[in-house]
Amino acid sequence: MFDSHGDIDVPASLVEFSQSTAFSDNVLEIFPDPHFGGVRRAVGNFIDLLQRSSRQLGPVQQAVLRNLLLDVYTWRGFHPDDPTTWGIRPQDRDAGRPANLPADRIYLDIPHEEKEVAKRVARAQGATLWFDGDARCWWTDDHSDGLLRWPLMTWGKRMPTVHDVLSLARLKLRQLFVGTDQKGLLALEGLCRAHAALISKIKSTRRRSAEESAELLQAERNRAADKALGACKSFIEKVATGTELDDLLRYESADTLKSIIDRLENLVATGVCRTVPPPFDEDTLIWRYGLRAYSDDAKRMLVENRLERLLQAAIARGPVDQVEELAIIDEAPIYMVDQSDHIIMRIIHEARKFGLAIVLIAQSPTQFPEAVLAGVGCKIILGLDPMYHQMASRRLALDMGYIQRIRPYELALVNFKRRGVVPEWVPLGLPRLGAPPAARLVVRQRDTVA
């Protein structure tokens, strides 16, 4: 159940989503089925999600982002043309884990660009947060509260994240500015560090000149200068790689990369790209997504991503005779797009035989695209402002007299499609507050009571 305004009161396992909460779905997760999933499908789904937000990508930006995504998936071990690599086996998860890690440490997957945020969060909640040089990651003694924003560290194969795409985009941007490949860029970074160390050494030896031997201080400066010269030589040797033109063609220009980085940074800031799964209660029948703190763009991305995964899993499961999952979307006009390939349209047209049902809730029938009204199996009108009566009558081929019979909280109208029966609008008596269960739902159609 996707609760857009936080006003649905039902017994459910509730998780609130916002910019400050730790939970979300990984929008780059691959569905591993060889027929219905894969790397290219995951790439296409992510780009489509961005395209349906308020600011679309241009054709060149789409091409560059696609190349970035494919490179990140390949780097993580998911190869577009090899379906056997699309999943993660249990033995893949801890491959490469350093031996003899202390048992009392909880290692976290904290991106380099978020380390300062993680430090502030740890200080605020009184938790330990230190960097383990051997394990090359951060550890804590209290993985709770704000630190839940970062998932547990996995050393083996794992799904890519938006942070991975951002890191690669920044690296490629620096490469285009410098004109070298990754080895050359690392050499340049080494040169900068060596130069900074040389300057620091010169300043420190000057401060100690009155207390220590001039020969010893000069020797320290010479060693620092030699390291800087060696780093400079290494950089010069590695600048010309022969791949600069290929990278330039593949990633178009520094301006294009910068625009994509800006877009991804804005996406990360919404909080919708976290990788910690929402902690729903597995034993509760209804999972309620509290989305009131999200912007409309963030709401659309989370809901479309979750619906896409539900549909993929349903199709892979195959045809069934009963409903297996039910997705309920409040304030549905936020998410509906009048396109045949949109996820809501695909669920309406394709998912019924696979056991996936969807309920769309809006203020007026006029807010639904015609394809939605024609494709759904059941339509219910609970109440309608008089200004919408004529429009609803035309859109739904419904006699005005029927609409005028609606009484909020007392009488609704229902149109239910059944095989071999022409659907008709019939009145539905709604339960009175405090009425016994036996009196709750009564449908009258001519002489039939169901």
Protein backbone atom coordinates (compact mmCIF):
# COMPACT_ATOMS: atom_id res chain seq x y z
CA MET A 1 0.00 0.00 0.00
CA PHE A 2 1.53 3.29 -1.14
CA ASP A 3 0.21 6.00 1.19
CA SER A 4 0.99 9.36 -0.42
CA HIS A 5 -0.39 11.61 2.33
CA GLY A 6 -0.10 9.45 5.43
CA ASP A 7 -3.86 9.37 6.04
CA ILE A 8 -4.74 5.70 5.43
CA ASP A 9 -5.64 4.05 8.72
CA VAL A 10 -5.36 0.26 8.36
CA PRO A 11 -3.64 -2.46 10.41
CA ALA A 12 -0.32 -2.69 8.58
CA SER A 13 3.44 -2.80 8.90
CA LEU A 14 4.38 0.86 8.33
CA VAL A 15 7.73 2.24 7.17
CA GLU A 16 8.08 6.01 6.74
CA PHE A 17 10.31 7.21 3.89
CA SER A 18 12.06 10.60 3.79
CA GLN A 19 15.40 12.23 3.02
CA SER A 20 16.68 11.37 6.50
CA THR A 21 15.52 7.76 6.81
CA ALA A 22 17.84 4.90 5.97
CA PHE A 23 15.43 2.85 3.92
CA SER A 24 14.68 2.55 0.24
CA ASP A 25 14.93 0.09 -2.62
CA ASN A 26 18.08 -0.15 -4.72
CA VAL A 27 16.88 1.24 -8.05
CA LEU A 28 19.77 -0.53 -9.85
CA GLU A 29 18.99 -4.02 -8.55
CA ILE A 30 18.95 -6.63 -11.32
CA PHE A 31 16.14 -9.15 -11.64
CA PRO A 32 18.23 -12.27 -12.37
CA ASP A 33 15.71 -14.22 -14.45
CA PRO A 34 17.40 -14.93 -17.82
CA HIS A 35 14.21 -14.21 -19.79
CA PHE A 36 12.55 -11.35 -17.86
CA GLY A 37 15.51 -9.61 -16.21
CA GLY A 38 19.11 -8.75 -16.95
CA VAL A 39 21.55 -5.86 -17.05
CA ARG A 40 20.16 -4.07 -20.08
CA ARG A 41 16.64 -4.22 -18.71
CA ALA A 42 17.82 -2.78 -15.39
CA VAL A 43 19.64 0.00 -17.25
CA GLY A 44 16.55 0.79 -19.32
CA ASN A 45 14.28 0.79 -16.27
CA PHE A 46 16.54 3.25 -14.43
CA ILE A 47 16.75 5.64 -17.38
CA ASP A 48 12.97 5.43 -17.84
CA LEU A 49 12.49 6.34 -14.17
CA LEU A 50 14.63 9.44 -14.61
CA GLN A 51 12.85 10.33 -17.83
CA ARG A 52 9.46 10.39 -16.11
CA SER A 53 10.63 12.87 -13.49
CA SER A 54 10.12 16.61 -13.80
CA ARG A 55 13.31 17.24 -15.80
CA GLN A 56 14.15 14.85 -18.64
CA LEU A 57 17.52 13.82 -20.01
CA GLY A 58 18.48 14.70 -23.58
CA PRO A 59 19.50 12.00 -26.11
CA VAL A 60 23.24 12.61 -25.55
CA GLN A 61 22.83 12.51 -21.77
CA GLN A 62 20.89 9.25 -22.04
CA ALA A 63 23.66 7.67 -24.12
CA VAL A 64 26.39 8.76 -21.71
CA LEU A 65 24.40 7.59 -18.66
CA ARG A 66 23.78 4.23 -20.36
CA ASN A 67 27.53 3.80 -20.90
CA LEU A 68 28.21 4.68 -17.27
CA LEU A 69 25.63 2.17 -16.05
CA LEU A 70 26.93 -0.63 -18.28
CA ASP A 71 30.49 0.02 -17.10
CA VAL A 72 29.42 -0.05 -13.44
CA TYR A 73 27.50 -3.31 -13.86
CA THR A 74 30.49 -4.89 -15.62
CA TRP A 75 32.84 -3.63 -12.90
CA ARG A 76 30.62 -5.27 -10.26
CA GLY A 77 30.66 -8.57 -12.16
CA PHE A 78 27.28 -8.39 -13.93
CA HIS A 79 27.96 -8.80 -17.64
CA PRO A 80 25.20 -7.75 -20.06
CA ASP A 81 25.65 -10.74 -22.38
CA ASP A 82 26.10 -13.44 -19.72
CA PRO A 83 22.87 -14.34 -17.86
CA THR A 84 24.81 -16.59 -15.46
CA THR A 85 26.33 -13.43 -13.90
CA TRP A 86 23.03 -11.64 -13.26
CA GLY A 87 22.47 -13.13 -9.80
CA ILE A 88 24.46 -13.32 -6.56
CA ARG A 89 25.18 -16.77 -5.17
CA PRO A 90 25.70 -17.26 -1.41
CA GLN A 91 29.38 -18.04 -1.99
CA ASP A 92 29.78 -14.74 -3.90
CA ARG A 93 28.77 -12.53 -0.97
CA ASP A 94 31.88 -12.87 1.22
CA ALA A 95 34.46 -13.65 -1.47
CA GLY A 96 37.54 -11.58 -0.73
CA ARG A 97 36.58 -10.90 2.90
CA PRO A 98 39.73 -10.15 4.93
CA ALA A 99 40.64 -12.90 7.37
CA ASN A 100 40.57 -12.55 11.17
CA LEU A 101 38.35 -9.49 11.37
CA PRO A 102 37.49 -8.64 15.02
CA ALA A 103 34.16 -10.15 15.97
CA ASP A 104 33.04 -7.11 17.97
CA ARG A 105 33.18 -4.76 14.97
CA ILE A 106 30.28 -4.07 12.62
CA TYR A 107 31.64 -3.13 9.19
CA LEU A 108 29.58 -0.69 7.11
CA ASP A 109 29.51 0.14 3.40
CA ILE A 110 30.01 3.92 3.61
CA PRO A 111 30.88 5.67 0.31
CA HIS A 112 33.94 7.91 0.45
CA GLU A 113 31.87 11.02 -0.28
CA GLU A 114 29.62 10.32 2.75
CA LYS A 115 32.29 9.67 5.37
CA GLU A 116 31.95 13.10 7.00
CA VAL A 117 28.16 12.69 7.22
CA ALA A 118 28.66 9.26 8.81
CA LYS A 119 31.08 10.72 11.35
CA ARG A 120 28.57 13.39 12.37
CA VAL A 121 25.80 10.81 12.69
CA ALA A 122 28.00 8.55 14.84
CA ARG A 123 28.98 11.43 17.13
CA ALA A 124 25.36 12.49 17.51
CA GLN A 125 24.28 9.05 18.69
CA GLY A 126 27.42 8.35 20.74
CA ALA A 127 28.60 5.45 18.55
CA THR A 128 32.12 4.48 17.60
CA LEU A 129 33.09 4.94 13.95
CA TRP A 130 36.63 4.16 12.80
CA PHE A 131 38.30 3.32 9.51
CA ASP A 132 39.95 -0.11 9.33
CA GLY A 133 42.99 0.20 7.07
CA ASP A 134 43.31 -3.57 6.58
CA ALA A 135 39.65 -4.10 5.67
CA ARG A 136 39.54 -0.76 3.77
CA CYS A 137 36.15 0.20 5.20
CA TRP A 138 34.50 1.78 8.24
CA TRP A 139 33.34 -0.07 11.35
CA THR A 140 31.09 0.75 14.29
CA ASP A 141 30.00 -0.83 17.55
CA ASP A 142 26.37 0.31 17.25
CA HIS A 143 24.55 -0.15 13.93
CA SER A 144 21.31 1.59 14.87
CA ASP A 145 19.39 4.87 14.53
CA GLY A 146 21.08 7.17 11.99
CA LEU A 147 23.82 4.70 11.09
CA LEU A 148 21.18 2.38 9.62
CA ARG A 149 21.42 4.66 6.59
CA TRP A 150 24.47 2.62 5.51
CA PRO A 151 24.19 -1.15 4.95
CA LEU A 152 26.48 -3.83 6.24
CA MET A 153 29.68 -4.24 4.27
CA THR A 154 29.90 -7.07 1.74
CA TRP A 155 33.30 -7.84 0.28
CA GLY A 156 32.15 -10.08 -2.50
CA LYS A 157 29.81 -9.49 -5.39
CA ARG A 158 26.99 -7.01 -4.77
CA MET A 159 24.46 -5.05 -6.73
CA PRO A 160 25.64 -1.65 -8.04
CA THR A 161 24.24 1.50 -6.46
CA VAL A 162 23.73 5.06 -7.62
CA HIS A 163 26.77 5.96 -5.50
CA ASP A 164 28.85 3.62 -7.70
CA VAL A 165 27.60 5.38 -10.83
CA LEU A 166 28.40 8.76 -9.29
CA SER A 167 31.93 7.65 -8.38
CA LEU A 168 32.62 6.42 -11.90
CA ALA A 169 31.14 9.58 -13.45
CA ARG A 170 33.38 11.77 -11.27
CA LEU A 171 36.42 9.68 -12.20
CA LYS A 172 35.62 9.98 -15.92
CA LEU A 173 35.08 13.72 -15.53
CA ARG A 174 38.52 14.13 -13.96
CA GLN A 175 40.03 12.00 -16.72
CA LEU A 176 38.52 14.21 -19.41
CA PHE A 177 39.87 17.33 -17.73
CA VAL A 178 43.37 15.87 -17.22
CA GLY A 179 43.58 13.93 -20.48
CA THR A 180 44.65 10.57 -19.06
CA ASP A 181 43.28 7.20 -18.03
CA GLN A 182 42.76 5.83 -14.52
CA LYS A 183 46.43 4.91 -13.97
CA GLY A 184 47.53 8.34 -15.08
CA LEU A 185 44.90 9.95 -12.88
CA LEU A 186 46.08 7.97 -9.87
CA ALA A 187 49.64 9.02 -10.69
CA LEU A 188 48.52 12.64 -10.79
CA GLU A 189 46.83 12.26 -7.42
CA GLY A 190 50.08 10.75 -6.10
CA LEU A 191 51.97 13.73 -7.48
CA CYS A 192 49.64 16.15 -5.71
CA ARG A 193 50.06 14.27 -2.42
CA ALA A 194 53.85 14.20 -2.79
CA HIS A 195 53.92 17.92 -3.58
CA ALA A 196 51.78 18.70 -0.53
CA ALA A 197 54.06 16.53 1.60
CA LEU A 198 57.11 18.40 0.30
CA ILE A 199 55.60 21.79 1.17
CA SER A 200 54.64 20.50 4.61
CA LYS A 201 58.15 19.14 5.16
CA ILE A 202 59.74 22.46 4.18
CA LYS A 203 57.51 24.34 6.64
CA SER A 204 58.13 21.89 9.47
CA THR A 205 61.93 21.90 9.02
CA ARG A 206 61.92 25.68 9.07
CA ARG A 207 60.16 25.66 12.42
CA ARG A 208 62.72 23.18 13.78
CA SER A 209 65.78 24.92 12.32
CA ALA A 210 66.78 26.52 15.62
CA GLU A 211 66.73 23.21 17.48
CA GLU A 212 68.00 20.52 15.05
CA SER A 213 70.97 19.98 12.76
CA ALA A 214 70.77 21.81 9.43
CA GLU A 215 72.21 18.76 7.62
CA LEU A 216 69.52 16.42 9.01
CA LEU A 217 66.73 18.86 8.13
CA GLN A 218 68.11 19.28 4.59
CA ALA A 219 68.22 15.49 4.23
CA GLU A 220 64.51 15.30 5.13
CA ARG A 221 63.73 17.96 2.54
CA ASN A 222 65.76 16.11 -0.09
CA ARG A 223 63.91 12.86 0.54
CA ALA A 224 60.54 14.60 0.22
CA ALA A 225 61.72 16.32 -2.97
CA ASP A 226 62.88 12.99 -4.43
CA LYS A 227 59.45 11.49 -3.78
CA ALA A 228 57.78 14.44 -5.51
CA LEU A 229 60.10 14.12 -8.50
CA GLY A 230 59.39 10.38 -8.72
CA ALA A 231 55.65 11.01 -8.63
CA CYS A 232 56.00 13.66 -11.35
CA LYS A 233 57.97 11.24 -13.55
CA SER A 234 55.34 8.52 -13.00
CA PHE A 235 52.56 10.90 -14.03
CA ILE A 236 54.36 12.02 -17.19
CA GLU A 237 55.01 8.41 -18.22
CA LYS A 238 51.36 7.42 -17.78
CA VAL A 239 49.63 10.41 -19.33
CA ALA A 240 49.70 9.12 -22.92
CA THR A 241 47.60 5.93 -22.79
CA GLY A 242 46.07 5.81 -26.26
CA THR A 243 42.56 5.60 -24.73
CA GLU A 244 41.88 9.29 -24.28
CA LEU A 245 40.02 9.59 -27.62
CA ASP A 246 37.91 6.49 -26.89
CA ASP A 247 36.89 7.88 -23.51
CA LEU A 248 36.12 11.24 -25.06
CA LEU A 249 33.87 9.61 -27.68
CA ARG A 250 32.19 7.27 -25.15
CA TYR A 251 31.46 9.98 -22.60
CA GLU A 252 30.91 12.85 -25.07
CA SER A 253 32.25 15.82 -23.10
CA ALA A 254 33.04 17.12 -19.66
CA ASP A 255 29.89 19.28 -19.78
CA THR A 256 27.67 16.27 -20.46
CA LEU A 257 29.26 14.29 -17.64
CA LYS A 258 28.92 17.23 -15.28
CA SER A 259 25.21 17.55 -16.06
CA ILE A 260 24.69 13.84 -15.33
CA ILE A 261 26.64 14.12 -12.07
CA ASP A 262 24.44 17.03 -11.02
CA ARG A 263 21.33 15.01 -11.84
CA LEU A 264 22.52 11.96 -9.89
CA GLU A 265 23.55 14.08 -6.91
CA ASN A 266 20.07 15.61 -6.83
CA LEU A 267 18.61 12.11 -7.02
CA VAL A 268 20.74 10.92 -4.09
CA ALA A 269 19.67 13.97 -2.07
CA THR A 270 16.01 12.89 -2.30
CA GLY A 271 16.78 9.78 -0.23
CA VAL A 272 15.15 7.45 -2.75
CA CYS A 273 18.41 5.67 -3.70
CA ARG A 274 19.44 4.16 -0.38
CA THR A 275 20.31 0.46 -0.34
CA VAL A 276 19.03 -0.60 3.12
CA PRO A 277 15.82 -2.62 2.54
CA PRO A 278 12.74 -1.27 4.36
CA PRO A 279 12.17 -3.30 7.57
CA PHE A 280 8.63 -4.47 6.96
CA ASP A 281 7.23 -7.17 9.22
CA GLU A 282 7.26 -10.37 7.16
CA ASP A 283 4.31 -11.76 9.16
CA THR A 284 2.03 -8.77 8.51
CA LEU A 285 -0.41 -9.06 5.63
CA ILE A 286 -0.22 -5.40 4.54
CA TRP A 287 2.97 -3.38 4.00
CA ARG A 288 2.30 0.35 4.08
CA TYR A 289 4.80 2.69 2.41
CA GLY A 290 4.57 6.10 4.12
CA LEU A 291 5.52 8.55 1.36
CA ARG A 292 4.18 11.88 2.67
CA ALA A 293 7.70 13.33 3.21
CA TYR A 294 8.84 12.60 -0.36
CA SER A 295 8.56 14.98 -3.30
CA ASP A 296 6.33 13.85 -6.16
CA ASP A 297 9.39 12.87 -8.22
CA ALA A 298 10.74 10.74 -5.38
CA LYS A 299 7.33 9.15 -4.83
CA ARG A 300 7.08 8.23 -8.51
CA MET A 301 10.55 6.71 -8.56
CA LEU A 302 9.99 4.53 -5.50
CA VAL A 303 6.52 3.37 -6.55
CA GLU A 304 7.43 2.67 -10.17
CA ASN A 305 10.57 0.79 -9.13
CA ARG A 306 8.60 -1.38 -6.67
CA LEU A 307 5.80 -2.04 -9.19
CA GLU A 308 8.34 -2.99 -11.86
CA ARG A 309 9.86 -5.62 -9.55
CA LEU A 310 6.44 -6.95 -8.58
CA LEU A 311 5.51 -7.36 -12.26
CA GLN A 312 8.80 -9.01 -13.17
CA ALA A 313 8.42 -11.51 -10.33
CA ALA A 314 4.77 -12.20 -11.24
CA ILE A 315 5.53 -12.88 -14.91
CA ALA A 316 8.45 -15.12 -13.99
CA ARG A 317 6.15 -17.05 -11.61
CA GLY A 318 3.75 -17.81 -14.45
CA PRO A 319 -0.08 -17.88 -14.69
CA VAL A 320 -2.01 -18.56 -11.48
CA ASP A 321 -5.70 -18.87 -10.58
CA GLN A 322 -5.81 -16.38 -7.70
CA VAL A 323 -4.46 -13.03 -6.60
CA GLU A 324 -0.99 -13.33 -5.07
CA GLU A 325 -0.15 -9.65 -4.56
CA LEU A 326 -2.26 -6.51 -4.41
CA ALA A 327 -0.74 -3.05 -4.93
CA ILE A 328 -2.88 -0.17 -3.60
CA ILE A 329 -1.95 3.34 -4.74
CA ASP A 330 -3.49 6.36 -3.05
CA GLU A 331 -3.53 9.65 -5.00
CA ALA A 332 -2.97 7.65 -8.19
CA PRO A 333 -2.83 10.69 -10.55
CA ILE A 334 0.64 11.44 -9.14
CA TYR A 335 1.88 8.19 -10.69
CA MET A 336 -0.27 7.56 -13.77
CA VAL A 337 1.14 8.27 -17.23
CA ASP A 338 -0.96 7.87 -20.38
CA GLN A 339 1.62 5.67 -22.14
CA SER A 340 1.13 2.04 -23.10
CA ASP A 341 4.57 1.03 -21.80
CA HIS A 342 4.18 2.69 -18.39
CA ILE A 343 4.32 0.22 -15.51
CA ILE A 344 0.76 0.91 -14.30
CA MET A 345 -0.63 0.39 -17.81
CA ARG A 346 1.38 -2.82 -18.18
CA ILE A 347 0.05 -4.18 -14.89
CA ILE A 348 -3.54 -3.39 -15.93
CA HIS A 349 -3.13 -5.11 -19.29
CA GLU A 350 -0.73 -7.96 -18.50
CA ALA A 351 -0.64 -8.85 -14.80
CA ARG A 352 -4.12 -10.22 -14.08
CA LYS A 353 -3.35 -13.79 -15.13
CA PHE A 354 -0.09 -13.72 -13.16
CA GLY A 355 -1.84 -12.99 -9.86
CA LEU A 356 -0.90 -9.31 -9.53
CA ALA A 357 -3.77 -6.85 -8.96
CA ILE A 358 -3.69 -3.08 -8.60
CA VAL A 359 -6.07 -0.60 -6.94
CA LEU A 360 -5.90 3.05 -8.06
CA ILE A 361 -7.53 5.74 -5.90
CA ALA A 362 -8.28 9.28 -7.13
CA GLN A 363 -10.65 12.17 -6.37
CA SER A 364 -12.52 11.96 -9.67
CA PRO A 365 -12.96 9.57 -12.64
CA THR A 366 -11.84 12.43 -14.88
CA GLN A 367 -8.29 12.08 -13.49
CA PHE A 368 -7.86 8.61 -15.01
CA PRO A 369 -6.61 8.13 -18.60
CA GLU A 370 -9.18 6.48 -20.85
CA ALA A 371 -6.93 3.41 -21.28
CA VAL A 372 -7.01 2.88 -17.50
CA LEU A 373 -10.80 3.19 -17.29
CA ALA A 374 -11.22 0.77 -20.19
CA GLY A 375 -8.71 -1.77 -18.90
CA VAL A 376 -9.56 -2.17 -15.21
CA GLY A 377 -11.86 -4.97 -14.12
CA CYS A 378 -13.79 -3.03 -11.51
CA LYS A 379 -14.74 0.63 -11.07
CA ILE A 380 -16.13 2.06 -7.81
CA ILE A 381 -17.50 5.58 -7.29
CA LEU A 382 -17.79 6.46 -3.59
CA GLY A 383 -18.66 10.11 -3.92
CA LEU A 384 -18.42 12.84 -6.53
CA ASP A 385 -18.62 16.61 -6.43
CA PRO A 386 -21.56 17.86 -8.55
CA MET A 387 -19.20 19.80 -10.82
CA TYR A 388 -17.81 16.44 -12.05
CA HIS A 389 -21.19 14.80 -12.73
CA GLN A 390 -21.45 15.59 -16.44
CA MET A 391 -17.80 14.84 -17.18
CA ALA A 392 -18.02 11.53 -15.32
CA SER A 393 -21.21 10.66 -17.14
CA ARG A 394 -19.50 11.12 -20.51
CA ARG A 395 -16.24 9.40 -19.56
CA LEU A 396 -17.91 6.37 -17.98
CA ALA A 397 -20.96 6.06 -20.29
CA LEU A 398 -23.03 6.31 -17.12
CA ASP A 399 -26.57 7.69 -16.88
CA MET A 400 -26.72 10.93 -14.89
CA GLY A 401 -29.48 9.49 -12.74
CA TYR A 402 -27.14 6.82 -11.44
CA ILE A 403 -24.51 9.39 -10.46
CA GLN A 404 -27.07 11.48 -8.63
CA ARG A 405 -28.04 8.46 -6.53
CA ILE A 406 -24.61 8.35 -4.87
CA ARG A 407 -24.72 9.17 -1.15
CA PRO A 408 -21.32 9.62 0.54
CA TYR A 409 -20.78 7.00 3.28
CA GLU A 410 -24.12 5.38 2.37
CA LEU A 411 -24.41 4.38 -1.29
CA ALA A 412 -21.74 3.93 -3.98
CA LEU A 413 -21.77 2.75 -7.60
CA VAL A 414 -19.90 -0.34 -8.80
CA ASN A 415 -19.10 -1.65 -12.28
CA PHE A 416 -17.59 -5.14 -12.18
CA LYS A 417 -16.48 -7.08 -15.25
CA ARG A 418 -17.22 -10.78 -15.33
CA ARG A 419 -16.60 -13.28 -18.06
CA GLY A 420 -19.60 -13.61 -20.40
CA VAL A 421 -21.62 -10.85 -18.69
CA VAL A 422 -22.18 -7.31 -19.95
CA PRO A 423 -20.97 -5.06 -17.11
CA GLU A 424 -23.59 -2.78 -15.55
CA TRP A 425 -23.42 -0.09 -12.93
CA VAL A 426 -25.11 -1.22 -9.72
CA PRO A 427 -25.59 0.49 -6.34
CA LEU A 428 -23.54 -0.68 -3.38
CA GLY A 429 -24.71 -0.12 0.17
CA LEU A 430 -21.82 0.99 2.37
CA PRO A 431 -21.47 0.03 6.04
CA ARG A 432 -22.79 2.47 8.60
CA LEU A 433 -20.37 3.39 11.34
CA GLY A 434 -20.85 0.87 14.13
CA ALA A 435 -22.93 -1.49 11.99
CA PRO A 436 -22.45 -5.24 12.59
CA PRO A 437 -20.26 -7.13 10.09
CA ALA A 438 -23.24 -8.89 8.50
CA ALA A 439 -24.62 -5.53 7.33
CA ARG A 440 -21.45 -4.23 5.76
CA LEU A 441 -21.59 -4.96 2.03
CA VAL A 442 -24.87 -5.41 0.23
CA VAL A 443 -25.12 -5.17 -3.58
CA ARG A 444 -28.61 -4.95 -5.10
CA GLN A 445 -29.07 -5.61 -8.81
CA ARG A 446 -32.74 -6.08 -9.76
CA ASP A 447 -33.83 -9.03 -7.61
CA THR A 448 -30.32 -10.30 -6.87
CA VAL A 449 -28.60 -9.79 -3.54
CA ALA A 450 -24.91 -10.73 -3.34
